[in-house]
Amino acid sequence: MTTESPYGRVFIFLKSIPRPAAVEIIKRLYGAFGLGRRSSEEHGLLFGVIGLAFDNWPEQHGFKPDDAEHLRAWLAIECGHCERFEADASAFTSPKEAIALARFFCGGRRDFRAFRSGEKLIMLRPRSISEREITVTEFRGVSARMYDLIEATTGITPEVYKAEKDKAA
C-alpha cells in the first residue's frame, strides 16, 4: 500500500490522529456501508417478535407454523429473503420425486416451498440471517419486511413485544 493509493492516504490519516478518534471514524464508516455489526438488541428483538407472533398466530391463517423457527423460515421466504432453484417439471414422474429433490435442495429441512409454474418446478428455501451471512443493512431490511408481515397478520409490532416484555419483568 503506497501513500499514492486512497487506502494508503486513509491509513496514514488514521495513524496521525488519536486512536479513539480513529476507531470512531472506522465504526462510522462500517455502519455507513452496512458492514458493521448489528446489536444483540436488534437480533433479540427480531427473534422475540417472531416468538410472540408464533404464540399468537391466527388459527384461521393458511400457514400453520410448527414452531418459531418454522415461522422465521416462512417469513424469510415471504419477504423474498430466500434462494430459488428451478428444475424441469417434466423430469419428475411423481410428486414424491419432486418433494425429494426439494428436500435435498434444502438440506433435508422442512422449511422450503415448492410449487409448479408452467413447465418448471420452483423451490424456495430461506436464507440465513446470521451475522456471518448478511450485512447489518441487509438484516435491517429483512427484519423490517418481517415486522410488516407479522403486524399485518397478528397486529404484533416491536413496540407491542417490548411492552409485553416490560409487563412480564
C-alpha atoms as a PDB file:
ATOM      1  CA  MET A   1       0.000   0.000   0.000  1.00  0.00           C
ATOM      2  CA  THR A   2       1.531   3.288  -1.059  1.00  0.00           C
ATOM      3  CA  THR A   3       0.724   6.811   0.031  1.00  0.00           C
ATOM      4  CA  GLU A   4      -0.448   7.362  -3.546  1.00  0.00           C
ATOM      5  CA  SER A   5      -3.377   4.949  -3.164  1.00  0.00           C
ATOM      6  CA  PRO A   6      -6.565   6.138  -1.484  1.00  0.00           C
ATOM      7  CA  TYR A   7      -6.191   3.330   1.080  1.00  0.00           C
ATOM      8  CA  GLY A   8      -2.648   4.396   1.862  1.00  0.00           C
ATOM      9  CA  ARG A   9      -3.692   8.002   2.441  1.00  0.00           C
ATOM     10  CA  VAL A  10      -6.578   6.926   4.693  1.00  0.00           C
ATOM     11  CA  PHE A  11      -4.263   4.634   6.654  1.00  0.00           C
ATOM     12  CA  ILE A  12      -1.721   7.448   7.154  1.00  0.00           C
ATOM     13  CA  PHE A  13      -4.500   9.832   8.223  1.00  0.00           C
ATOM     14  CA  LEU A  14      -5.911   7.331  10.738  1.00  0.00           C
ATOM     15  CA  LYS A  15      -2.461   6.762  12.207  1.00  0.00           C
ATOM     16  CA  SER A  16      -1.978  10.529  12.590  1.00  0.00           C
ATOM     17  CA  ILE A  17      -4.991  11.098  14.864  1.00  0.00           C
ATOM     18  CA  PRO A  18      -5.626   9.816  18.401  1.00  0.00           C
ATOM     19  CA  ARG A  19      -6.652   6.144  18.475  1.00  0.00           C
ATOM     20  CA  PRO A  20     -10.156   6.684  19.979  1.00  0.00           C
ATOM     21  CA  ALA A  21     -10.972   9.144  17.176  1.00  0.00           C
ATOM     22  CA  ALA A  22      -9.657   6.731  14.531  1.00  0.00           C
ATOM     23  CA  VAL A  23     -11.733   3.878  15.988  1.00  0.00           C
ATOM     24  CA  GLU A  24     -14.852   6.075  15.944  1.00  0.00           C
ATOM     25  CA  ILE A  25     -14.244   7.018  12.287  1.00  0.00           C
ATOM     26  CA  ILE A  26     -13.833   3.359  11.330  1.00  0.00           C
ATOM     27  CA  LYS A  27     -17.037   2.388  13.176  1.00  0.00           C
ATOM     28  CA  ARG A  28     -18.990   5.122  11.404  1.00  0.00           C
ATOM     29  CA  LEU A  29     -17.618   4.094   8.003  1.00  0.00           C
ATOM     30  CA  TYR A  30     -18.526   0.453   8.633  1.00  0.00           C
ATOM     31  CA  GLY A  31     -22.024   1.452   9.698  1.00  0.00           C
ATOM     32  CA  ALA A  32     -22.494   3.754   6.693  1.00  0.00           C
ATOM     33  CA  PHE A  33     -21.699   0.900   4.310  1.00  0.00           C
ATOM     34  CA  GLY A  34     -23.709  -1.707   6.198  1.00  0.00           C
ATOM     35  CA  LEU A  35     -20.587  -3.551   7.263  1.00  0.00           C
ATOM     36  CA  GLY A  36     -20.882  -3.002  10.992  1.00  0.00           C
ATOM     37  CA  ARG A  37     -22.314  -5.452  13.455  1.00  0.00           C
ATOM     38  CA  ARG A  38     -25.934  -5.424  14.391  1.00  0.00           C
ATOM     39  CA  SER A  39     -26.552  -5.132  18.076  1.00  0.00           C
ATOM     40  CA  SER A  40     -27.625  -8.062  20.173  1.00  0.00           C
ATOM     41  CA  GLU A  41     -30.721  -5.962  20.984  1.00  0.00           C
ATOM     42  CA  GLU A  42     -31.705  -5.846  17.285  1.00  0.00           C
ATOM     43  CA  HIS A  43     -31.173  -9.577  16.958  1.00  0.00           C
ATOM     44  CA  GLY A  44     -33.059 -10.343  20.179  1.00  0.00           C
ATOM     45  CA  LEU A  45     -35.904  -8.015  19.229  1.00  0.00           C
ATOM     46  CA  LEU A  46     -36.497  -9.779  15.912  1.00  0.00           C
ATOM     47  CA  PHE A  47     -36.485 -13.235  17.461  1.00  0.00           C
ATOM     48  CA  GLY A  48     -38.643 -12.025  20.371  1.00  0.00           C
ATOM     49  CA  VAL A  49     -41.231 -10.580  17.991  1.00  0.00           C
ATOM     50  CA  ILE A  50     -41.214 -13.802  15.949  1.00  0.00           C
ATOM     51  CA  GLY A  51     -41.705 -15.835  19.148  1.00  0.00           C
ATOM     52  CA  LEU A  52     -44.620 -13.663  20.265  1.00  0.00           C
ATOM     53  CA  ALA A  53     -46.100 -13.853  16.755  1.00  0.00           C
ATOM     54  CA  PHE A  54     -45.853 -17.650  16.867  1.00  0.00           C
ATOM     55  CA  ASP A  55     -47.650 -17.712  20.227  1.00  0.00           C
ATOM     56  CA  ASN A  56     -50.418 -15.518  18.766  1.00  0.00           C
ATOM     57  CA  TRP A  57     -50.557 -16.869  15.199  1.00  0.00           C
ATOM     58  CA  PRO A  58     -54.170 -16.842  13.954  1.00  0.00           C
ATOM     59  CA  GLU A  59     -55.670 -20.326  13.690  1.00  0.00           C
ATOM     60  CA  GLN A  60     -57.560 -19.357  10.539  1.00  0.00           C
ATOM     61  CA  HIS A  61     -54.349 -18.370   8.681  1.00  0.00           C
ATOM     62  CA  GLY A  62     -53.432 -20.606   5.745  1.00  0.00           C
ATOM     63  CA  PHE A  63     -49.903 -21.172   7.069  1.00  0.00           C
ATOM     64  CA  LYS A  64     -49.610 -23.149  10.311  1.00  0.00           C
ATOM     65  CA  PRO A  65     -46.095 -22.858  11.793  1.00  0.00           C
ATOM     66  CA  ASP A  66     -44.858 -25.776  13.918  1.00  0.00           C
ATOM     67  CA  ASP A  67     -42.585 -23.537  15.997  1.00  0.00           C
ATOM     68  CA  ALA A  68     -40.963 -20.099  15.951  1.00  0.00           C
ATOM     69  CA  GLU A  69     -38.094 -21.295  13.712  1.00  0.00           C
ATOM     70  CA  HIS A  70     -40.583 -22.621  11.169  1.00  0.00           C
ATOM     71  CA  LEU A  71     -42.316 -19.224  11.263  1.00  0.00           C
ATOM     72  CA  ARG A  72     -38.970 -17.425  10.787  1.00  0.00           C
ATOM     73  CA  ALA A  73     -38.262 -19.545   7.708  1.00  0.00           C
ATOM     74  CA  TRP A  74     -41.719 -18.851   6.282  1.00  0.00           C
ATOM     75  CA  LEU A  75     -41.326 -15.126   6.918  1.00  0.00           C
ATOM     76  CA  ALA A  76     -37.927 -15.143   5.182  1.00  0.00           C
ATOM     77  CA  ILE A  77     -39.415 -16.748   2.071  1.00  0.00           C
ATOM     78  CA  GLU A  78     -42.465 -14.454   2.151  1.00  0.00           C
ATOM     79  CA  CYS A  79     -40.303 -11.328   2.277  1.00  0.00           C
ATOM     80  CA  GLY A  80     -38.014 -12.590  -0.502  1.00  0.00           C
ATOM     81  CA  HIS A  81     -35.001 -13.453   1.655  1.00  0.00           C
ATOM     82  CA  CYS A  82     -34.567 -16.848   0.029  1.00  0.00           C
ATOM     83  CA  GLU A  83     -32.707 -18.842  -2.581  1.00  0.00           C
ATOM     84  CA  ARG A  84     -34.516 -20.052  -5.681  1.00  0.00           C
ATOM     85  CA  PHE A  85     -33.910 -23.247  -7.597  1.00  0.00           C
ATOM     86  CA  GLU A  86     -35.719 -24.278 -10.767  1.00  0.00           C
ATOM     87  CA  ALA A  87     -35.980 -27.692 -12.382  1.00  0.00           C
ATOM     88  CA  ASP A  88     -37.794 -29.035 -15.410  1.00  0.00           C
ATOM     89  CA  ALA A  89     -41.103 -30.301 -14.013  1.00  0.00           C
ATOM     90  CA  SER A  90     -41.428 -32.958 -16.721  1.00  0.00           C
ATOM     91  CA  ALA A  91     -38.362 -34.724 -15.278  1.00  0.00           C
ATOM     92  CA  PHE A  92     -40.447 -35.946 -12.329  1.00  0.00           C
ATOM     93  CA  THR A  93     -42.768 -38.928 -12.581  1.00  0.00           C
ATOM     94  CA  SER A  94     -44.446 -38.263  -9.237  1.00  0.00           C
ATOM     95  CA  PRO A  95     -44.915 -35.530  -6.652  1.00  0.00           C
ATOM     96  CA  LYS A  96     -42.822 -37.640  -4.225  1.00  0.00           C
ATOM     97  CA  GLU A  97     -39.794 -37.296  -6.541  1.00  0.00           C
ATOM     98  CA  ALA A  98     -40.249 -33.519  -6.687  1.00  0.00           C
ATOM     99  CA  ILE A  99     -40.542 -33.306  -2.899  1.00  0.00           C
ATOM    100  CA  ALA A 100     -37.418 -35.469  -2.512  1.00  0.00           C
ATOM    101  CA  LEU A 101     -35.492 -33.050  -4.752  1.00  0.00           C
ATOM    102  CA  ALA A 102     -36.816 -30.065  -2.796  1.00  0.00           C
ATOM    103  CA  ARG A 103     -35.746 -31.695   0.491  1.00  0.00           C
ATOM    104  CA  PHE A 104     -32.300 -32.367  -0.987  1.00  0.00           C
ATOM    105  CA  PHE A 105     -32.058 -28.743  -2.129  1.00  0.00           C
ATOM    106  CA  CYS A 106     -32.989 -27.657   1.402  1.00  0.00           C
ATOM    107  CA  GLY A 107     -30.573 -29.967   3.211  1.00  0.00           C
ATOM    108  CA  GLY A 108     -33.365 -32.252   4.432  1.00  0.00           C
ATOM    109  CA  ARG A 109     -35.152 -29.473   6.304  1.00  0.00           C
ATOM    110  CA  ARG A 110     -38.890 -28.924   6.156  1.00  0.00           C
ATOM    111  CA  ASP A 111     -38.505 -25.185   5.707  1.00  0.00           C
ATOM    112  CA  PHE A 112     -38.957 -24.792   1.970  1.00  0.00           C
ATOM    113  CA  ARG A 113     -41.620 -24.025  -0.553  1.00  0.00           C
ATOM    114  CA  ALA A 114     -42.026 -25.952  -3.789  1.00  0.00           C
ATOM    115  CA  PHE A 115     -44.577 -25.299  -6.499  1.00  0.00           C
ATOM    116  CA  ARG A 116     -45.083 -25.766 -10.210  1.00  0.00           C
ATOM    117  CA  SER A 117     -45.038 -22.799 -12.550  1.00  0.00           C
ATOM    118  CA  GLY A 118     -45.705 -23.819 -16.114  1.00  0.00           C
ATOM    119  CA  GLU A 119     -43.079 -26.387 -17.049  1.00  0.00           C
ATOM    120  CA  LYS A 120     -40.851 -25.516 -14.090  1.00  0.00           C
ATOM    121  CA  LEU A 121     -40.694 -26.824 -10.559  1.00  0.00           C
ATOM    122  CA  ILE A 122     -39.755 -23.840  -8.383  1.00  0.00           C
ATOM    123  CA  MET A 123     -38.161 -24.428  -4.987  1.00  0.00           C
ATOM    124  CA  LEU A 124     -37.506 -21.688  -2.455  1.00  0.00           C
ATOM    125  CA  ARG A 125     -35.504 -22.030   0.727  1.00  0.00           C
ATOM    126  CA  PRO A 126     -34.958 -19.336   3.347  1.00  0.00           C
ATOM    127  CA  ARG A 127     -31.577 -17.659   3.533  1.00  0.00           C
ATOM    128  CA  SER A 128     -29.814 -17.307   6.844  1.00  0.00           C
ATOM    129  CA  ILE A 129     -29.929 -14.048   8.795  1.00  0.00           C
ATOM    130  CA  SER A 130     -26.721 -14.929  10.628  1.00  0.00           C
ATOM    131  CA  GLU A 131     -24.223 -12.099  11.071  1.00  0.00           C
ATOM    132  CA  ARG A 132     -21.750 -14.174   9.052  1.00  0.00           C
ATOM    133  CA  GLU A 133     -24.180 -14.364   6.147  1.00  0.00           C
ATOM    134  CA  ILE A 134     -25.655 -10.875   5.725  1.00  0.00           C
ATOM    135  CA  THR A 135     -24.646  -7.294   6.379  1.00  0.00           C
ATOM    136  CA  VAL A 136     -26.288  -5.204   9.059  1.00  0.00           C
ATOM    137  CA  THR A 137     -28.045  -3.147   6.372  1.00  0.00           C
ATOM    138  CA  GLU A 138     -29.484  -6.281   4.771  1.00  0.00           C
ATOM    139  CA  PHE A 139     -30.528  -7.607   8.204  1.00  0.00           C
ATOM    140  CA  ARG A 140     -32.372  -4.376   8.945  1.00  0.00           C
ATOM    141  CA  GLY A 141     -34.192  -4.514   5.610  1.00  0.00           C
ATOM    142  CA  VAL A 142     -35.179  -8.162   6.077  1.00  0.00           C
ATOM    143  CA  SER A 143     -36.298  -7.600   9.672  1.00  0.00           C
ATOM    144  CA  ALA A 144     -38.380  -4.556   8.628  1.00  0.00           C
ATOM    145  CA  ARG A 145     -40.175  -6.656   5.996  1.00  0.00           C
ATOM    146  CA  MET A 146     -40.696  -9.446   8.557  1.00  0.00           C
ATOM    147  CA  TYR A 147     -42.111  -6.937  11.070  1.00  0.00           C
ATOM    148  CA  ASP A 148     -44.532  -5.686   8.398  1.00  0.00           C
ATOM    149  CA  LEU A 149     -45.733  -9.245   7.636  1.00  0.00           C
ATOM    150  CA  ILE A 150     -46.113 -10.047  11.340  1.00  0.00           C
ATOM    151  CA  GLU A 151     -48.040  -6.848  12.010  1.00  0.00           C
ATOM    152  CA  ALA A 152     -50.349  -7.427   9.040  1.00  0.00           C
ATOM    153  CA  THR A 153     -51.083 -10.977  10.229  1.00  0.00           C
ATOM    154  CA  THR A 154     -51.153 -10.669  14.018  1.00  0.00           C
ATOM    155  CA  GLY A 155     -51.097  -6.956  14.867  1.00  0.00           C
ATOM    156  CA  ILE A 156     -47.867  -7.523  16.805  1.00  0.00           C
ATOM    157  CA  THR A 157     -45.167  -4.874  16.407  1.00  0.00           C
ATOM    158  CA  PRO A 158     -41.766  -4.452  18.051  1.00  0.00           C
ATOM    159  CA  GLU A 159     -43.407  -1.918  20.366  1.00  0.00           C
ATOM    160  CA  VAL A 160     -46.070  -4.446  21.409  1.00  0.00           C
ATOM    161  CA  TYR A 161     -43.334  -7.017  22.083  1.00  0.00           C
ATOM    162  CA  LYS A 162     -41.354  -4.525  24.203  1.00  0.00           C
ATOM    163  CA  ALA A 163     -44.484  -3.633  26.214  1.00  0.00           C
ATOM    164  CA  GLU A 164     -45.242  -7.340  26.788  1.00  0.00           C
ATOM    165  CA  LYS A 165     -41.649  -7.939  27.847  1.00  0.00           C
ATOM    166  CA  ASP A 166     -41.763  -4.980  30.259  1.00  0.00           C
ATOM    167  CA  LYS A 167     -45.056  -6.234  31.762  1.00  0.00           C
ATOM    168  CA  ALA A 168     -43.538  -9.674  32.356  1.00  0.00           C
ATOM    169  CA  ALA A 169     -40.468  -8.231  34.106  1.00  0.00           C
END
